[in-house]
């Protein structure tokens, strides 16, 4: 399943992000500014047992489900 795309230019992107992470849906953030919202996203990923990766080249942040430990 493709990750849901959320544009950070949207005024309510944070509430959309929280809602989808609670439902364990993978999310890609477009137009993401790590210097402003990086800590917020790192904490959200940690609290929802997801991984957060920054794609500097495309100004995107990606939340993905953690793989179970072997």
Protein backbone atom coordinates (compact mmCIF):
# COMPACT_ATOMS: atom_id res chain seq x y z
CA UNK A 1 0.00 0.00 0.00
CA UNK A 2 1.28 3.44 -0.94
CA UNK A 3 1.88 5.90 1.91
CA UNK A 4 -0.64 8.69 2.35
CA UNK A 5 0.70 12.06 1.20
CA UNK A 6 0.14 15.15 3.33
CA UNK A 7 1.20 18.64 2.25
CA UNK A 8 2.72 20.62 5.12
CA UNK A 9 1.45 23.82 3.49
CA UNK A 10 -2.04 22.73 4.61
CA UNK A 11 -3.00 24.46 7.86
CA UNK A 12 -4.21 21.28 9.58
CA UNK A 13 -1.45 18.88 8.46
CA UNK A 14 -0.40 18.05 12.02
CA UNK A 15 -3.85 16.82 13.05
CA UNK A 16 -4.11 14.80 9.81
CA UNK A 17 -0.73 13.27 10.53
CA UNK A 18 -1.62 12.35 14.12
CA UNK A 19 -4.90 10.75 13.06
CA UNK A 20 -3.28 8.61 10.38
CA UNK A 21 -0.36 7.50 12.55
CA UNK A 22 -2.85 6.41 15.23
CA UNK A 23 -4.44 4.19 12.56
CA UNK A 24 -0.96 2.81 11.68
CA UNK A 25 -1.06 4.34 8.19
CA UNK A 26 2.31 5.19 6.62
CA UNK A 27 2.62 8.86 5.70
CA UNK A 28 4.82 11.00 3.47
CA UNK A 29 5.00 14.72 4.29
CA UNK A 30 5.55 17.03 1.32
CA UNK A 31 7.05 20.54 1.68
CA UNK A 32 8.42 19.52 5.06
CA UNK A 33 10.66 21.90 7.04
CA UNK A 34 12.77 19.82 9.43
CA UNK A 35 14.18 22.82 11.28
CA UNK A 36 10.67 23.89 12.30
CA UNK A 37 8.87 20.57 12.80
CA UNK A 38 11.56 17.91 13.01
CA UNK A 39 11.38 17.35 16.76
CA UNK A 40 7.58 17.13 16.64
CA UNK A 41 7.77 14.41 13.97
CA UNK A 42 10.55 12.49 15.71
CA UNK A 43 8.46 12.34 18.91
CA UNK A 44 5.33 11.30 17.01
CA UNK A 45 7.18 8.51 15.27
CA UNK A 46 8.57 7.27 18.56
CA UNK A 47 5.19 7.36 20.30
CA UNK A 48 3.52 5.41 17.47
CA UNK A 49 6.37 2.88 17.06
CA UNK A 50 7.17 4.07 13.56
CA UNK A 51 10.36 5.14 11.83
CA UNK A 52 10.79 8.70 10.57
CA UNK A 53 13.19 9.52 7.75
CA UNK A 54 14.04 12.86 6.24
CA UNK A 55 14.48 13.24 2.48
CA UNK A 56 16.38 16.53 2.17
CA UNK A 57 16.55 16.43 -1.61
CA UNK A 58 12.73 16.33 -2.00
CA UNK A 59 11.85 18.29 1.18
CA UNK A 60 9.87 15.31 2.47
CA UNK A 61 9.50 13.38 5.70
CA UNK A 62 8.50 9.72 5.69
CA UNK A 63 6.82 7.70 8.42
CA UNK A 64 7.05 3.96 7.94
CA UNK A 65 6.08 1.00 10.09
CA UNK A 66 8.90 -0.57 12.04
CA UNK A 67 9.88 -4.06 11.03
CA UNK A 68 9.58 -6.60 13.86
CA UNK A 69 12.88 -7.67 15.40
CA UNK A 70 14.11 -11.04 14.21
